[in-house]
Amino acid sequence: MRLSIALAAVLLAVLVALSGHLLLQSCGLRLPVLGVISACETDAARQRRADLAAALDQTRDLEAEIAALERELALTLCKADPPPPPPPPP
């Protein structure tokens, strides 16, 4: 009885280790529902991340510039020219 329990525990440990080995890829974890969770980052991925960060910075700068221009436009007072006088009667 004790031998069968010990054998079942060893078999369970081997199965868990085997399933872990099958799930783990070289730098990540491939899950059926979630897809790939990667821990390694390639050079192309790092370059894309840097490009994205630069684009986000540029977007924030442009948004700040637009907000400043909108504030400046809101503070300007426009004075309408009076309409021209009516033409003289004939």
N, C-alpha and C. Protein backbone atom coordinates (compact mmCIF):
# COMPACT_ATOMS: atom_id res chain seq x y z
N MET A 1 0.82 -1.19 0.00
CA MET A 1 0.00 0.00 0.00
C MET A 1 0.87 1.26 0.00
N ARG A 2 1.86 1.29 0.86
CA ARG A 2 2.75 2.46 0.91
C ARG A 2 3.54 2.58 -0.38
N LEU A 3 3.89 1.46 -0.94
CA LEU A 3 4.65 1.49 -2.19
C LEU A 3 3.80 2.07 -3.33
N SER A 4 2.53 1.73 -3.36
CA SER A 4 1.66 2.27 -4.42
C SER A 4 1.44 3.78 -4.24
N ILE A 5 1.33 4.24 -3.00
CA ILE A 5 1.19 5.68 -2.75
C ILE A 5 2.46 6.41 -3.15
N ALA A 6 3.62 5.85 -2.81
CA ALA A 6 4.90 6.47 -3.17
C ALA A 6 5.06 6.47 -4.69
N LEU A 7 4.67 5.37 -5.33
CA LEU A 7 4.77 5.29 -6.79
C LEU A 7 3.82 6.30 -7.44
N ALA A 8 2.61 6.46 -6.90
CA ALA A 8 1.67 7.44 -7.43
C ALA A 8 2.20 8.86 -7.25
N ALA A 9 2.85 9.15 -6.11
CA ALA A 9 3.42 10.48 -5.88
C ALA A 9 4.55 10.75 -6.85
N VAL A 10 5.39 9.76 -7.08
CA VAL A 10 6.51 9.94 -8.04
C VAL A 10 5.95 10.12 -9.44
N LEU A 11 4.94 9.34 -9.80
CA LEU A 11 4.32 9.46 -11.12
C LEU A 11 3.68 10.84 -11.28
N LEU A 12 3.03 11.34 -10.24
CA LEU A 12 2.44 12.67 -10.29
C LEU A 12 3.52 13.74 -10.47
N ALA A 13 4.62 13.61 -9.76
CA ALA A 13 5.71 14.58 -9.89
C ALA A 13 6.30 14.54 -11.29
N VAL A 14 6.44 13.35 -11.85
CA VAL A 14 6.98 13.23 -13.21
C VAL A 14 6.01 13.84 -14.22
N LEU A 15 4.73 13.61 -14.04
CA LEU A 15 3.74 14.18 -14.95
C LEU A 15 3.70 15.71 -14.86
N VAL A 16 3.81 16.23 -13.65
CA VAL A 16 3.83 17.69 -13.49
C VAL A 16 5.08 18.27 -14.14
N ALA A 17 6.22 17.63 -13.95
CA ALA A 17 7.47 18.10 -14.56
C ALA A 17 7.38 18.00 -16.08
N LEU A 18 6.81 16.93 -16.60
CA LEU A 18 6.68 16.77 -18.04
C LEU A 18 5.73 17.82 -18.63
N SER A 19 4.61 18.06 -17.97
CA SER A 19 3.69 19.07 -18.47
C SER A 19 4.31 20.47 -18.39
N GLY A 20 5.08 20.74 -17.34
CA GLY A 20 5.79 22.01 -17.25
C GLY A 20 6.81 22.17 -18.35
N HIS A 21 7.50 21.09 -18.66
CA HIS A 21 8.49 21.13 -19.74
C HIS A 21 7.81 21.37 -21.08
N LEU A 22 6.66 20.76 -21.28
CA LEU A 22 5.94 20.97 -22.54
C LEU A 22 5.36 22.37 -22.64
N LEU A 23 4.97 22.95 -21.52
CA LEU A 23 4.41 24.31 -21.54
C LEU A 23 5.47 25.38 -21.73
N LEU A 24 6.60 25.19 -21.08
CA LEU A 24 7.63 26.23 -21.13
C LEU A 24 8.39 26.15 -22.44
N GLN A 25 8.47 27.27 -23.12
CA GLN A 25 9.30 27.35 -24.30
C GLN A 25 10.63 27.97 -23.86
N SER A 26 11.48 28.30 -24.79
CA SER A 26 12.81 28.79 -24.43
C SER A 26 12.77 30.05 -23.57
N CYS A 27 11.87 30.95 -23.86
CA CYS A 27 11.82 32.20 -23.11
C CYS A 27 10.40 32.58 -22.73
N GLY A 28 9.53 31.66 -22.63
CA GLY A 28 8.18 32.06 -22.32
C GLY A 28 7.30 30.88 -21.98
N LEU A 29 6.06 31.17 -21.91
CA LEU A 29 5.06 30.18 -21.54
C LEU A 29 3.96 30.22 -22.59
N ARG A 30 3.71 29.06 -23.19
CA ARG A 30 2.67 28.96 -24.21
C ARG A 30 1.45 28.32 -23.58
N LEU A 31 0.39 29.11 -23.43
CA LEU A 31 -0.84 28.62 -22.81
C LEU A 31 -1.92 28.49 -23.87
N PRO A 32 -2.78 27.48 -23.74
CA PRO A 32 -3.81 27.29 -24.76
C PRO A 32 -4.80 28.46 -24.85
N VAL A 33 -5.16 29.05 -23.74
CA VAL A 33 -6.17 30.11 -23.75
C VAL A 33 -5.54 31.49 -23.94
N LEU A 34 -4.44 31.76 -23.24
CA LEU A 34 -3.84 33.10 -23.24
C LEU A 34 -2.84 33.32 -24.35
N GLY A 35 -2.39 32.29 -25.01
CA GLY A 35 -1.39 32.43 -26.05
C GLY A 35 0.00 32.32 -25.45
N VAL A 36 0.92 33.11 -25.96
CA VAL A 36 2.32 33.05 -25.52
C VAL A 36 2.61 34.21 -24.60
N ILE A 37 3.14 33.90 -23.43
CA ILE A 37 3.63 34.91 -22.50
C ILE A 37 5.15 34.84 -22.61
N SER A 38 5.74 35.82 -23.22
CA SER A 38 7.17 35.77 -23.51
C SER A 38 7.96 36.58 -22.51
N ALA A 39 9.08 35.99 -22.09
CA ALA A 39 9.98 36.69 -21.19
C ALA A 39 11.18 37.23 -21.95
N CYS A 40 11.50 36.65 -23.09
CA CYS A 40 12.62 37.12 -23.91
C CYS A 40 12.12 38.17 -24.89
N GLU A 41 12.96 39.12 -25.16
CA GLU A 41 12.59 40.18 -26.08
C GLU A 41 13.62 40.23 -27.19
N THR A 42 13.17 40.17 -28.41
CA THR A 42 14.08 40.21 -29.54
C THR A 42 14.51 41.65 -29.83
N ASP A 43 15.50 41.78 -30.68
CA ASP A 43 15.96 43.12 -31.05
C ASP A 43 14.87 43.89 -31.79
N ALA A 44 14.14 43.17 -32.65
CA ALA A 44 13.05 43.83 -33.38
C ALA A 44 11.97 44.31 -32.42
N ALA A 45 11.67 43.52 -31.40
CA ALA A 45 10.65 43.93 -30.42
C ALA A 45 11.13 45.13 -29.62
N ARG A 46 12.41 45.14 -29.26
CA ARG A 46 12.96 46.30 -28.54
C ARG A 46 12.90 47.55 -29.40
N GLN A 47 13.20 47.40 -30.71
CA GLN A 47 13.16 48.54 -31.62
C GLN A 47 11.73 49.04 -31.77
N ARG A 48 10.76 48.12 -31.89
CA ARG A 48 9.37 48.52 -31.99
C ARG A 48 8.91 49.23 -30.72
N ARG A 49 9.37 48.73 -29.57
CA ARG A 49 9.00 49.37 -28.31
C ARG A 49 9.58 50.78 -28.23
N ALA A 50 10.82 50.95 -28.69
CA ALA A 50 11.44 52.29 -28.69
C ALA A 50 10.71 53.21 -29.67
N ASP A 51 10.34 52.68 -30.85
CA ASP A 51 9.60 53.49 -31.82
C ASP A 51 8.24 53.90 -31.27
N LEU A 52 7.59 52.98 -30.58
CA LEU A 52 6.29 53.29 -29.98
C LEU A 52 6.43 54.35 -28.90
N ALA A 53 7.47 54.24 -28.09
CA ALA A 53 7.69 55.25 -27.04
C ALA A 53 7.95 56.62 -27.67
N ALA A 54 8.73 56.65 -28.75
CA ALA A 54 8.99 57.92 -29.43
C ALA A 54 7.72 58.49 -30.03
N ALA A 55 6.90 57.63 -30.62
CA ALA A 55 5.64 58.10 -31.21
C ALA A 55 4.70 58.61 -30.12
N LEU A 56 4.66 57.94 -28.97
CA LEU A 56 3.82 58.41 -27.87
C LEU A 56 4.31 59.75 -27.34
N ASP A 57 5.62 59.92 -27.23
CA ASP A 57 6.17 61.21 -26.80
C ASP A 57 5.80 62.32 -27.79
N GLN A 58 5.92 62.01 -29.08
CA GLN A 58 5.57 63.00 -30.09
C GLN A 58 4.08 63.33 -30.02
N THR A 59 3.26 62.32 -29.79
CA THR A 59 1.81 62.55 -29.67
C THR A 59 1.50 63.44 -28.48
N ARG A 60 2.14 63.16 -27.35
CA ARG A 60 1.91 64.00 -26.16
C ARG A 60 2.35 65.44 -26.41
N ASP A 61 3.50 65.60 -27.08
CA ASP A 61 3.97 66.95 -27.39
C ASP A 61 2.98 67.69 -28.30
N LEU A 62 2.47 66.99 -29.31
CA LEU A 62 1.52 67.61 -30.22
C LEU A 62 0.21 67.94 -29.51
N GLU A 63 -0.24 67.05 -28.62
CA GLU A 63 -1.45 67.34 -27.85
C GLU A 63 -1.27 68.56 -26.96
N ALA A 64 -0.09 68.68 -26.35
CA ALA A 64 0.19 69.85 -25.51
C ALA A 64 0.23 71.11 -26.35
N GLU A 65 0.80 71.03 -27.55
CA GLU A 65 0.85 72.20 -28.43
C GLU A 65 -0.55 72.60 -28.88
N ILE A 66 -1.38 71.61 -29.20
CA ILE A 66 -2.76 71.91 -29.59
C ILE A 66 -3.51 72.55 -28.44
N ALA A 67 -3.32 72.04 -27.23
CA ALA A 67 -4.01 72.62 -26.07
C ALA A 67 -3.56 74.05 -25.84
N ALA A 68 -2.27 74.33 -26.00
CA ALA A 68 -1.77 75.70 -25.82
C ALA A 68 -2.35 76.63 -26.88
N LEU A 69 -2.42 76.15 -28.13
CA LEU A 69 -2.99 76.98 -29.19
C LEU A 69 -4.48 77.22 -28.98
N GLU A 70 -5.18 76.20 -28.47
CA GLU A 70 -6.61 76.39 -28.18
C GLU A 70 -6.82 77.40 -27.05
N ARG A 71 -5.95 77.35 -26.02
CA ARG A 71 -6.05 78.33 -24.95
C ARG A 71 -5.77 79.73 -25.48
N GLU A 72 -4.76 79.84 -26.32
CA GLU A 72 -4.42 81.15 -26.89
C GLU A 72 -5.57 81.67 -27.74
N LEU A 73 -6.19 80.80 -28.50
CA LEU A 73 -7.32 81.21 -29.34
C LEU A 73 -8.52 81.60 -28.48
N ALA A 74 -8.71 80.89 -27.38
CA ALA A 74 -9.84 81.21 -26.51
C ALA A 74 -9.65 82.56 -25.82
N LEU A 75 -8.42 82.98 -25.61
CA LEU A 75 -8.17 84.25 -24.93
C LEU A 75 -8.21 85.45 -25.86
N THR A 76 -8.18 85.21 -27.16
CA THR A 76 -8.23 86.35 -28.09
C THR A 76 -9.64 86.90 -28.16
N LEU A 77 -9.72 88.20 -28.16
CA LEU A 77 -11.02 88.87 -28.25
C LEU A 77 -11.19 89.36 -29.68
N CYS A 78 -12.20 88.88 -30.29
CA CYS A 78 -12.48 89.27 -31.67
C CYS A 78 -13.51 90.40 -31.65
N LYS A 79 -13.17 91.46 -32.34
CA LYS A 79 -14.08 92.59 -32.42
C LYS A 79 -14.61 92.62 -33.84
N ALA A 80 -15.92 92.55 -33.94
CA ALA A 80 -16.54 92.53 -35.27
C ALA A 80 -16.57 93.94 -35.84
N ASP A 81 -16.31 94.04 -37.11
CA ASP A 81 -16.42 95.33 -37.81
C ASP A 81 -17.90 95.65 -37.98
N PRO A 82 -18.25 96.93 -37.81
CA PRO A 82 -19.67 97.28 -38.02
C PRO A 82 -20.03 97.09 -39.49
N PRO A 83 -21.28 96.83 -39.75
CA PRO A 83 -21.67 96.66 -41.16
C PRO A 83 -21.53 97.98 -41.91
N PRO A 84 -21.34 97.91 -43.19
CA PRO A 84 -21.19 99.16 -43.95
C PRO A 84 -22.52 99.95 -43.93
N PRO A 85 -22.43 101.27 -44.04
CA PRO A 85 -23.66 102.07 -44.03
C PRO A 85 -24.51 101.74 -45.26
N PRO A 86 -25.78 101.93 -45.12
CA PRO A 86 -26.64 101.66 -46.29
C PRO A 86 -26.34 102.64 -47.41
N PRO A 87 -26.60 102.24 -48.59
CA PRO A 87 -26.34 103.18 -49.73
C PRO A 87 -27.32 104.35 -49.66
N PRO A 88 -26.90 105.49 -50.17
CA PRO A 88 -27.80 106.65 -50.13
C PRO A 88 -29.02 106.40 -51.01
N PRO A 89 -30.12 107.04 -50.63
CA PRO A 89 -31.33 106.86 -51.46
C PRO A 89 -31.13 107.51 -52.82
N PRO A 90 -31.75 107.01 -53.83
CA PRO A 90 -31.57 107.60 -55.17
C PRO A 90 -32.33 108.86 -55.42
